[in-house]
Amino acid sequence: MISGTAQSCAAWAEGTDPDAAFREEFLGLLARLELEPALAIALAEAGTGREFETCIPTELVPVLQQLLDLLRSHRSPIDARQLCEA
């Protein structure tokens, strides 16, 4: 299995759009929290006010920060996930 860093480096080396690569990493990170891609995309779009395919890293980082703040404010990631699904 190739690590996420190695995959990112390979994408950059092949000339992939860095914004698209960041969006893929955004989805991968939220998948590690067991959020389905559709839910992660909806979260990004709600947080940025833009279609996910047009989001750039400077718009997605605050969404990640808000999610981190939410997770830290709860006792466990499971509690935070249940809140998001409500």
C-alpha atoms as a PDB file:
ATOM      1  CA  MET A   1       0.000   0.000   0.000  1.00  0.00           C
ATOM      2  CA  ILE A   2       1.314   3.441  -0.911  1.00  0.00           C
ATOM      3  CA  SER A   3       1.246   6.035   1.855  1.00  0.00           C
ATOM      4  CA  GLY A   4      -0.848   9.179   1.486  1.00  0.00           C
ATOM      5  CA  THR A   5       2.312  11.270   1.275  1.00  0.00           C
ATOM      6  CA  ALA A   6       3.732   9.123  -1.498  1.00  0.00           C
ATOM      7  CA  GLN A   7       0.430   9.331  -3.359  1.00  0.00           C
ATOM      8  CA  SER A   8       0.396  13.123  -2.986  1.00  0.00           C
ATOM      9  CA  CYS A   9       3.958  13.414  -4.241  1.00  0.00           C
ATOM     10  CA  ALA A  10       3.136  11.190  -7.200  1.00  0.00           C
ATOM     11  CA  ALA A  11       0.112  13.339  -8.057  1.00  0.00           C
ATOM     12  CA  TRP A  12       2.213  16.520  -7.952  1.00  0.00           C
ATOM     13  CA  ALA A  13       4.951  14.899 -10.027  1.00  0.00           C
ATOM     14  CA  GLU A  14       2.454  13.910 -12.713  1.00  0.00           C
ATOM     15  CA  GLY A  15       1.241  17.487 -13.046  1.00  0.00           C
ATOM     16  CA  THR A  16      -2.110  17.049 -11.322  1.00  0.00           C
ATOM     17  CA  ASP A  17      -3.851  20.255 -10.339  1.00  0.00           C
ATOM     18  CA  PRO A  18      -2.719  20.946  -6.751  1.00  0.00           C
ATOM     19  CA  ASP A  19      -6.202  22.179  -5.791  1.00  0.00           C
ATOM     20  CA  ALA A  20      -7.729  18.912  -7.035  1.00  0.00           C
ATOM     21  CA  ALA A  21      -5.076  16.949  -5.146  1.00  0.00           C
ATOM     22  CA  PHE A  22      -5.922  18.859  -1.950  1.00  0.00           C
ATOM     23  CA  ARG A  23      -9.641  18.162  -2.427  1.00  0.00           C
ATOM     24  CA  GLU A  24      -8.843  14.449  -2.755  1.00  0.00           C
ATOM     25  CA  GLU A  25      -6.788  14.582   0.436  1.00  0.00           C
ATOM     26  CA  PHE A  26      -9.663  16.428   2.135  1.00  0.00           C
ATOM     27  CA  LEU A  27     -12.015  13.566   1.199  1.00  0.00           C
ATOM     28  CA  GLY A  28      -9.445  10.993   2.309  1.00  0.00           C
ATOM     29  CA  LEU A  29      -9.039  12.655   5.689  1.00  0.00           C
ATOM     30  CA  LEU A  30     -12.775  12.763   6.295  1.00  0.00           C
ATOM     31  CA  ALA A  31     -13.063   9.148   5.143  1.00  0.00           C
ATOM     32  CA  ARG A  32     -10.712   8.278   8.006  1.00  0.00           C
ATOM     33  CA  LEU A  33     -13.391   9.766  10.276  1.00  0.00           C
ATOM     34  CA  GLU A  34     -15.860   7.424   8.564  1.00  0.00           C
ATOM     35  CA  LEU A  35     -17.664  10.204   6.710  1.00  0.00           C
ATOM     36  CA  GLU A  36     -18.935   9.133   3.317  1.00  0.00           C
ATOM     37  CA  PRO A  37     -17.658  11.204   0.376  1.00  0.00           C
ATOM     38  CA  ALA A  38     -21.112  12.694  -0.259  1.00  0.00           C
ATOM     39  CA  LEU A  39     -21.323  13.903   3.335  1.00  0.00           C
ATOM     40  CA  ALA A  40     -17.769  15.282   3.224  1.00  0.00           C
ATOM     41  CA  ILE A  41     -18.577  17.136   0.002  1.00  0.00           C
ATOM     42  CA  ALA A  42     -21.791  18.521   1.517  1.00  0.00           C
ATOM     43  CA  LEU A  43     -19.813  19.689   4.554  1.00  0.00           C
ATOM     44  CA  ALA A  44     -17.264  21.447   2.337  1.00  0.00           C
ATOM     45  CA  GLU A  45     -19.947  23.085   0.217  1.00  0.00           C
ATOM     46  CA  ALA A  46     -21.885  24.255   3.280  1.00  0.00           C
ATOM     47  CA  GLY A  47     -18.724  25.612   4.864  1.00  0.00           C
ATOM     48  CA  THR A  48     -17.436  27.402   1.796  1.00  0.00           C
ATOM     49  CA  GLY A  49     -20.612  28.335  -0.058  1.00  0.00           C
ATOM     50  CA  ARG A  50     -19.075  26.946  -3.251  1.00  0.00           C
ATOM     51  CA  GLU A  51     -19.305  23.766  -5.290  1.00  0.00           C
ATOM     52  CA  PHE A  52     -16.748  21.271  -4.017  1.00  0.00           C
ATOM     53  CA  GLU A  53     -15.012  20.997  -7.399  1.00  0.00           C
ATOM     54  CA  THR A  54     -14.193  24.717  -7.251  1.00  0.00           C
ATOM     55  CA  CYS A  55     -12.944  24.815  -3.652  1.00  0.00           C
ATOM     56  CA  ILE A  56      -9.323  25.733  -3.078  1.00  0.00           C
ATOM     57  CA  PRO A  57      -7.165  24.842  -0.070  1.00  0.00           C
ATOM     58  CA  THR A  58      -7.519  28.263   1.566  1.00  0.00           C
ATOM     59  CA  GLU A  59     -11.299  27.694   1.634  1.00  0.00           C
ATOM     60  CA  LEU A  60     -11.138  24.086   2.844  1.00  0.00           C
ATOM     61  CA  VAL A  61      -8.637  24.596   5.667  1.00  0.00           C
ATOM     62  CA  PRO A  62     -11.129  26.663   7.739  1.00  0.00           C
ATOM     63  CA  VAL A  63     -13.704  23.873   7.269  1.00  0.00           C
ATOM     64  CA  LEU A  64     -11.169  21.400   8.623  1.00  0.00           C
ATOM     65  CA  GLN A  65     -10.402  23.738  11.524  1.00  0.00           C
ATOM     66  CA  GLN A  66     -14.107  24.028  12.376  1.00  0.00           C
ATOM     67  CA  LEU A  67     -14.432  20.245  12.270  1.00  0.00           C
ATOM     68  CA  LEU A  68     -11.395  19.873  14.523  1.00  0.00           C
ATOM     69  CA  ASP A  69     -12.870  22.389  16.964  1.00  0.00           C
ATOM     70  CA  LEU A  70     -16.141  20.455  16.964  1.00  0.00           C
ATOM     71  CA  LEU A  71     -14.369  17.171  17.629  1.00  0.00           C
ATOM     72  CA  ARG A  72     -12.337  18.693  20.450  1.00  0.00           C
ATOM     73  CA  SER A  73     -15.456  20.090  22.086  1.00  0.00           C
ATOM     74  CA  HIS A  74     -16.947  16.616  22.463  1.00  0.00           C
ATOM     75  CA  ARG A  75     -15.878  13.687  24.553  1.00  0.00           C
ATOM     76  CA  SER A  76     -15.244  11.392  21.629  1.00  0.00           C
ATOM     77  CA  PRO A  77     -15.247  11.453  17.810  1.00  0.00           C
ATOM     78  CA  ILE A  78     -18.276   9.149  17.888  1.00  0.00           C
ATOM     79  CA  ASP A  79     -20.298  11.736  19.833  1.00  0.00           C
ATOM     80  CA  ALA A  80     -19.294  14.451  17.339  1.00  0.00           C
ATOM     81  CA  ARG A  81     -20.230  12.230  14.394  1.00  0.00           C
ATOM     82  CA  GLN A  82     -23.665  11.551  15.876  1.00  0.00           C
ATOM     83  CA  LEU A  83     -24.186  15.306  16.263  1.00  0.00           C
ATOM     84  CA  CYS A  84     -23.285  15.856  12.601  1.00  0.00           C
ATOM     85  CA  GLU A  85     -25.795  13.200  11.494  1.00  0.00           C
ATOM     86  CA  ALA A  86     -28.651  14.716  13.494  1.00  0.00           C
END
